[in-house]
Amino acid sequence: MIFRGAMSAKTALQAFVGCSALLLALAPAGCRDGKADAPGPSRTAAFGLSSLQDLSGLKPKFAFRGRIVFQSNLDGDNDIYLLTADGLRRLTDDPGSDEFPRWSPDGKSIAFSSNREGRYQIYLMEADGRNARRLTSGEVEAIEEGWYPDGKRIAYTEQRKRALGRSYRLMTLDLSTGRAAPLLADFAGSAALPDFSPDGLLLAFTGKRTMGWDAFVADLKSGETRALSTGGRSCRPRFSPDGTKIAYVSSSADGKGDIWLVDPDGGGREQLTERPETYDYFPAWSPDGKWIVYASGTKHYPTEGTWELALIKPGTRRIVPLFGSGARDVFPDWR
């Protein structure tokens, strides 16, 4: 069953503002019409850092296990950083905008989006940041990606300009052959931001049929597509490691954005963060499924304010501050 909801012009505008994180995905930060904005001043002076390599003063506030990659404009433009319990390490250093890192299923590689060669395309690098190479090419932009569970393919969002605005569709890329093909070709509307269930049978994504974006899940075997939210105010669904829950963002409660949970069949809906003073976005699960890392800020993203990483425990809704560089730290992914 597919859920649909009508929207007024006012509601559509609220959805656009309320799900502001989607603006970054569909028109990447630092990019307008395929051109990078001029980077801002370096933020290293704010931390008393003698050089960009000296990140020793930046530590997590919580001794978590594993590795978290994320995007930050700590150096004035967007780069990919690695956070562990020991501290912070920068993985990319390019004048372009490196964004939206995602761990490969085996933890040996990181896929990310970048406009370092002009248009946004999908890149792949080793876990330590070495040997970055471009995976996609063409006349259209390729942005925010997700891995198939087998690690042999990547799905991504293809962004096309049109007379009014842009259109988005999902593509799949075979890493061994380099061949790309449409994914969910029968979905009537725009589709973006793919994330697969652990068994690879379901695909969560952000979709728009008329006005406003919602969270969807597709059964890749039957082709059935189900709306997980209605009203055009939701985005960025991410499967839990065991596939029983989906975390997503919705601005339906406070007009800004909160982290929510829902079952893959649309039941069990639960609001996790309830902080009207913050925008809470970009959820990603811990490997054991006990925590969700997300980004939180008090100003509208992506043009204002600082954003920090935080953790929330779904069972208790306990929130723990994790890390803040004083810049915009977003798009975490935990391995």
Protein backbone atom coordinates (compact mmCIF):
# COMPACT_ATOMS: atom_id res chain seq x y z
CA MET A 1 0.00 0.00 0.00
CA ILE A 2 1.27 3.43 -0.94
CA PHE A 3 0.43 6.39 1.30
CA ARG A 4 -0.11 9.76 -0.30
CA GLY A 5 -0.85 13.20 1.09
CA ALA A 6 -1.97 16.44 -0.50
CA MET A 7 -0.05 19.63 0.29
CA SER A 8 -0.84 23.32 0.17
CA ALA A 9 1.71 25.81 -1.14
CA LYS A 10 2.39 26.94 2.44
CA THR A 11 2.94 23.35 3.60
CA ALA A 12 5.29 22.72 0.69
CA LEU A 13 7.36 25.74 1.66
CA GLN A 14 7.49 24.56 5.27
CA ALA A 15 8.58 21.13 4.10
CA PHE A 16 11.36 22.62 2.04
CA VAL A 17 12.64 24.68 4.95
CA GLY A 18 11.96 22.01 7.56
CA CYS A 19 13.83 19.32 5.65
CA SER A 20 16.68 21.72 4.93
CA ALA A 21 19.26 18.94 5.05
CA LEU A 22 17.83 17.64 1.82
CA LEU A 23 18.80 20.92 0.19
CA LEU A 24 22.40 19.92 0.68
CA ALA A 25 21.89 16.55 -0.88
CA LEU A 26 20.03 17.77 -3.91
CA ALA A 27 22.02 20.97 -4.43
CA PRO A 28 25.24 20.19 -2.57
CA ALA A 29 26.66 22.75 -0.15
CA GLY A 30 29.24 24.96 -1.80
CA CYS A 31 27.68 24.27 -5.20
CA ARG A 32 25.26 26.34 -7.18
CA ASP A 33 24.65 25.28 -10.78
CA GLY A 34 27.67 23.00 -10.68
CA LYS A 35 30.11 25.69 -9.53
CA ALA A 36 31.81 25.74 -6.17
CA ASP A 37 31.32 28.80 -4.02
CA ALA A 38 34.47 30.51 -2.81
CA PRO A 39 35.65 28.84 0.40
CA GLY A 40 35.40 30.78 3.64
CA PRO A 41 38.32 31.72 5.84
CA SER A 42 40.26 28.94 7.52
CA ARG A 43 38.92 28.00 10.94
CA THR A 44 42.18 26.56 12.25
CA ALA A 45 43.09 29.83 13.96
CA ALA A 46 40.04 29.49 16.17
CA PHE A 47 41.56 26.39 17.73
CA GLY A 48 45.13 27.67 18.00
CA LEU A 49 46.31 25.11 15.46
CA SER A 50 49.78 25.76 14.04
CA SER A 51 48.96 23.85 10.87
CA LEU A 52 46.15 21.94 9.23
CA GLN A 53 47.82 18.68 10.24
CA ASP A 54 47.69 19.56 13.94
CA LEU A 55 44.29 18.28 15.00
CA SER A 56 45.46 16.88 18.32
CA GLY A 57 43.30 19.29 20.30
CA LEU A 58 40.08 17.97 18.78
CA LYS A 59 38.83 14.95 20.70
CA PRO A 60 35.45 13.25 21.03
CA LYS A 61 33.48 14.00 24.18
CA PHE A 62 32.38 10.38 24.49
CA ALA A 63 34.62 7.30 24.29
CA PHE A 64 32.74 5.46 21.57
CA ARG A 65 33.88 2.30 19.82
CA GLY A 66 34.62 2.13 16.12
CA ARG A 67 35.28 4.74 13.45
CA ILE A 68 33.06 7.60 12.33
CA VAL A 69 33.67 9.44 9.08
CA PHE A 70 31.96 12.74 8.47
CA GLN A 71 32.08 15.91 6.41
CA SER A 72 33.28 19.22 7.83
CA ASN A 73 34.21 22.67 6.58
CA LEU A 74 36.77 23.01 9.37
CA ASP A 75 39.32 24.22 6.80
CA GLY A 76 36.88 26.53 5.02
CA ASP A 77 35.79 24.02 2.38
CA ASN A 78 34.28 20.57 2.79
CA ASP A 79 36.63 17.66 3.47
CA ILE A 80 36.21 14.16 4.88
CA TYR A 81 37.39 13.52 8.44
CA LEU A 82 37.82 10.38 10.54
CA LEU A 83 36.88 10.41 14.22
CA THR A 84 37.90 7.70 16.69
CA ALA A 85 38.16 7.58 20.46
CA ASP A 86 41.79 8.70 20.03
CA GLY A 87 40.94 11.88 18.14
CA LEU A 88 40.45 13.43 14.70
CA ARG A 89 42.20 12.82 11.38
CA ARG A 90 41.58 14.50 8.05
CA LEU A 91 41.25 12.05 5.15
CA THR A 92 40.86 14.41 2.17
CA ASP A 93 42.50 17.74 1.37
CA ASP A 94 41.27 19.16 -1.91
CA PRO A 95 40.17 22.65 -3.05
CA GLY A 96 36.91 21.08 -4.19
CA SER A 97 34.07 20.02 -1.93
CA ASP A 98 34.33 16.45 -0.62
CA GLU A 99 31.03 15.34 0.89
CA PHE A 100 28.82 12.56 2.20
CA PRO A 101 31.23 9.73 3.10
CA ARG A 102 29.90 6.15 3.34
CA TRP A 103 31.82 3.13 4.60
CA SER A 104 31.97 0.07 2.38
CA PRO A 105 30.44 -3.05 3.98
CA ASP A 106 33.90 -4.50 4.71
CA GLY A 107 35.18 -1.24 6.17
CA LYS A 108 38.14 -1.09 3.79
CA SER A 109 36.91 1.74 1.56
CA ILE A 110 34.95 4.97 1.73
CA ALA A 111 32.73 6.27 -1.06
CA PHE A 112 32.04 10.00 -1.21
CA SER A 113 30.73 12.77 -3.47
CA SER A 114 33.03 15.49 -4.78
CA ASN A 115 33.21 18.29 -7.34
CA ARG A 116 37.02 18.29 -7.33
CA GLU A 117 37.06 17.75 -11.10
CA GLY A 118 34.12 20.00 -11.98
CA ARG A 119 30.71 18.36 -11.71
CA TYR A 120 29.84 16.36 -8.63
CA GLN A 121 30.72 12.70 -9.09
CA ILE A 122 31.13 9.61 -6.89
CA TYR A 123 34.63 8.75 -5.68
CA LEU A 124 36.18 5.86 -3.79
CA MET A 125 39.19 5.93 -1.48
CA GLU A 126 40.87 3.59 0.95
CA ALA A 127 39.90 3.78 4.62
CA ASP A 128 42.99 5.90 5.38
CA GLY A 129 42.19 8.40 2.63
CA ARG A 130 44.71 7.16 0.09
CA ASN A 131 44.23 6.36 -3.60
CA ALA A 132 41.03 8.29 -4.27
CA ARG A 133 39.57 7.57 -7.70
CA ARG A 134 36.49 8.68 -9.56
CA LEU A 135 33.81 6.07 -10.17
CA THR A 136 31.24 7.99 -12.22
CA SER A 137 31.45 10.38 -15.13
CA GLY A 138 29.13 12.10 -17.54
CA GLU A 139 27.19 15.26 -18.27
CA VAL A 140 25.02 15.02 -15.15
CA GLU A 141 25.97 15.23 -11.49
CA ALA A 142 26.24 12.11 -9.34
CA ILE A 143 25.77 12.74 -5.62
CA GLU A 144 24.95 11.03 -2.33
CA GLU A 145 25.53 7.30 -2.52
CA GLY A 146 24.77 4.06 -0.67
CA TRP A 147 26.39 0.63 -0.76
CA TYR A 148 24.76 -2.65 -1.68
CA PRO A 149 25.37 -5.14 1.16
CA ASP A 150 27.63 -7.29 -1.05
CA GLY A 151 30.04 -4.37 -1.54
CA LYS A 152 30.14 -4.98 -5.28
CA ARG A 153 27.78 -2.19 -6.29
CA ILE A 154 26.95 1.36 -5.29
CA ALA A 155 23.66 3.18 -5.71
CA TYR A 156 23.70 6.94 -6.07
CA THR A 157 21.58 9.96 -6.94
CA GLU A 158 21.72 11.40 -10.43
CA GLN A 159 20.88 15.10 -10.53
CA ARG A 160 19.65 16.68 -13.76
CA LYS A 161 18.82 20.28 -14.54
CA ARG A 162 15.50 21.06 -16.12
CA ALA A 163 13.56 24.17 -17.08
CA LEU A 164 12.34 24.65 -13.52
CA GLY A 165 14.61 23.27 -10.83
CA ARG A 166 16.15 19.81 -10.96
CA SER A 167 15.06 16.21 -11.25
CA TYR A 168 16.59 13.27 -9.38
CA ARG A 169 16.69 9.56 -10.00
CA LEU A 170 18.52 6.63 -8.49
CA MET A 171 21.25 4.81 -10.37
CA THR A 172 23.23 1.66 -9.64
CA LEU A 173 26.91 1.23 -10.47
CA ASP A 174 28.70 -2.12 -10.85
CA LEU A 175 32.21 -1.59 -9.46
CA SER A 176 33.76 -4.42 -11.48
CA THR A 177 32.47 -3.29 -14.88
CA GLY A 178 31.83 0.42 -14.31
CA ARG A 179 28.38 0.07 -15.84
CA ALA A 180 25.58 2.26 -14.53
CA ALA A 181 21.86 1.57 -14.84
CA PRO A 182 18.64 3.11 -13.51
CA LEU A 183 17.34 1.90 -10.15
CA LEU A 184 13.59 2.05 -9.38
CA ALA A 185 12.88 3.13 -12.94
CA ASP A 186 9.13 2.69 -12.36
CA PHE A 187 8.95 5.13 -9.44
CA ALA A 188 6.72 8.01 -10.52
CA GLY A 189 8.63 11.00 -9.20
CA SER A 190 12.06 12.06 -8.02
CA ALA A 191 14.11 9.63 -5.92
CA ALA A 192 17.34 10.25 -4.02
CA LEU A 193 19.56 9.20 -1.08
CA PRO A 194 19.58 5.38 -1.27
CA ASP A 195 20.15 3.03 1.69
CA PHE A 196 19.80 -0.76 1.61
CA SER A 197 18.55 -3.20 4.20
CA PRO A 198 21.24 -5.63 5.45
CA ASP A 199 19.83 -8.47 3.34
CA GLY A 200 19.65 -6.27 0.25
CA LEU A 201 15.95 -6.96 -0.31
CA LEU A 202 14.68 -3.51 0.63
CA LEU A 203 15.75 -0.04 -0.43
CA ALA A 204 15.02 3.05 1.65
CA PHE A 205 15.15 6.39 -0.13
CA THR A 206 13.87 9.95 -0.18
CA GLY A 207 11.19 10.53 -2.78
CA LYS A 208 8.93 13.23 -4.14
CA ARG A 209 5.82 12.45 -6.19
CA THR A 210 4.33 15.96 -6.40
CA MET A 211 5.41 18.54 -3.80
CA GLY A 212 7.56 17.90 -0.76
CA TRP A 213 9.87 15.03 0.12
CA ASP A 214 9.04 11.89 2.10
CA ALA A 215 10.75 8.71 3.22
CA PHE A 216 10.01 5.60 1.15
CA VAL A 217 10.95 1.94 1.14
CA ALA A 218 10.93 -0.29 -1.94
CA ASP A 219 10.78 -4.08 -2.12
CA LEU A 220 13.40 -4.78 -4.78
CA LYS A 221 11.95 -8.22 -5.59
CA SER A 222 8.28 -7.33 -5.99
CA GLY A 223 8.81 -3.72 -7.06
CA GLU A 224 6.27 -2.48 -4.49
CA THR A 225 7.01 0.97 -3.05
CA ARG A 226 5.67 2.12 0.31
CA ALA A 227 5.61 5.64 1.73
CA LEU A 228 6.94 5.68 5.29
CA SER A 229 5.83 9.27 5.86
CA THR A 230 3.30 11.68 4.44
CA GLY A 231 3.00 15.44 4.25
CA GLY A 232 6.23 16.17 2.40
CA ARG A 233 8.37 16.91 5.46
CA SER A 234 10.66 13.88 5.78
CA CYS A 235 13.90 12.57 4.33
CA ARG A 236 17.09 10.50 4.79
CA PRO A 237 15.90 7.04 5.90
CA ARG A 238 18.67 4.71 7.17
CA PHE A 239 18.28 1.02 8.06
CA SER A 240 19.41 -0.31 11.43
CA PRO A 241 22.13 -3.02 11.28
CA ASP A 242 19.55 -5.77 11.88
CA GLY A 243 17.08 -4.28 9.40
CA THR A 244 14.19 -4.06 11.89
CA LYS A 245 14.11 -0.27 12.17
CA ILE A 246 14.62 2.76 9.94
CA ALA A 247 15.85 6.08 11.29
CA TYR A 248 14.82 9.15 9.33
CA VAL A 249 14.40 12.92 9.60
CA SER A 250 11.08 14.69 9.86
CA SER A 251 10.16 18.31 10.52
CA SER A 252 6.51 17.47 11.17
CA ALA A 253 6.80 18.04 14.94
CA ASP A 254 8.58 21.38 15.24
CA GLY A 255 9.18 22.64 11.70
CA LYS A 256 12.95 22.24 12.07
CA GLY A 257 13.80 18.56 12.01
CA ASP A 258 14.05 15.63 14.40
CA ILE A 259 15.24 12.04 14.29
CA TRP A 260 12.42 9.51 14.09
CA LEU A 261 12.14 5.72 13.97
CA VAL A 262 9.76 3.60 11.92
CA ASP A 263 9.42 -0.07 11.01
CA PRO A 264 10.05 -1.01 7.36
CA ASP A 265 6.33 -1.73 6.99
CA GLY A 266 5.42 1.77 8.18
CA GLY A 267 4.40 0.84 11.73
CA GLY A 268 6.04 1.56 15.06
CA ARG A 269 6.59 5.25 14.39
CA GLU A 270 8.49 7.01 17.19
CA GLN A 271 10.02 10.46 17.60
CA LEU A 272 13.48 10.24 19.18
CA THR A 273 14.77 13.80 19.44
CA GLU A 274 12.42 16.42 20.84
CA ARG A 275 14.44 19.62 20.94
CA PRO A 276 12.61 22.56 19.33
CA GLU A 277 15.73 24.72 19.63
CA THR A 278 17.80 22.53 17.29
CA TYR A 279 17.81 21.09 13.80
CA ASP A 280 18.60 17.37 14.13
CA TYR A 281 19.61 15.61 10.91
CA PHE A 282 21.74 12.98 9.14
CA PRO A 283 21.14 9.86 11.29
CA ALA A 284 23.48 6.86 11.03
CA TRP A 285 23.50 3.74 13.21
CA SER A 286 26.31 2.34 15.34
CA PRO A 287 27.48 -1.11 14.16
CA ASP A 288 25.74 -2.80 17.12
CA GLY A 289 22.51 -0.86 16.61
CA LYS A 290 22.50 0.56 20.14
CA TRP A 291 23.19 4.18 19.19
CA ILE A 292 22.43 6.62 16.41
CA VAL A 293 24.91 9.35 15.55
CA TYR A 294 23.48 12.50 14.00
CA ALA A 295 24.30 16.15 13.39
CA SER A 296 22.66 18.95 15.32
CA GLY A 297 22.70 22.73 14.94
CA THR A 298 20.77 25.77 16.09
CA LYS A 299 20.94 27.55 12.74
CA HIS A 300 19.52 26.66 9.37
CA TYR A 301 21.78 24.33 7.37
CA PRO A 302 23.82 24.66 5.18
CA THR A 303 24.40 28.41 5.19
CA GLU A 304 24.41 29.35 8.86
CA GLY A 305 25.88 28.41 12.20
CA THR A 306 27.90 25.49 13.48
CA TRP A 307 26.83 21.87 13.57
CA GLU A 308 28.01 19.20 15.99
CA LEU A 309 27.79 15.43 16.19
CA ALA A 310 25.68 13.84 18.91
CA LEU A 311 24.54 10.36 19.91
CA ILE A 312 21.11 9.16 20.93
CA LYS A 313 20.22 5.75 22.37
CA PRO A 314 16.90 4.68 20.83
CA GLY A 315 15.79 2.58 23.80
CA THR A 316 16.12 5.38 26.37
CA ARG A 317 16.35 8.48 24.15
CA ARG A 318 19.49 9.39 26.04
CA ILE A 319 21.42 12.09 24.16
CA VAL A 320 25.20 12.35 24.47
CA PRO A 321 27.25 15.16 22.87
CA LEU A 322 29.97 13.53 20.77
CA PHE A 323 32.08 16.03 18.85
CA GLY A 324 32.19 19.61 17.66
CA SER A 325 35.00 21.30 15.75
CA GLY A 326 33.37 24.73 15.77
CA ALA A 327 32.56 24.34 12.08
CA ARG A 328 29.76 22.45 10.29
CA ASP A 329 30.28 18.77 11.10
CA VAL A 330 27.65 16.73 9.25
CA PHE A 331 26.94 13.48 7.38
CA PRO A 332 28.38 10.98 9.90
CA ASP A 333 28.73 7.30 9.03
CA TRP A 334 29.77 4.76 11.69
CA ARG A 335 31.81 1.62 11.18
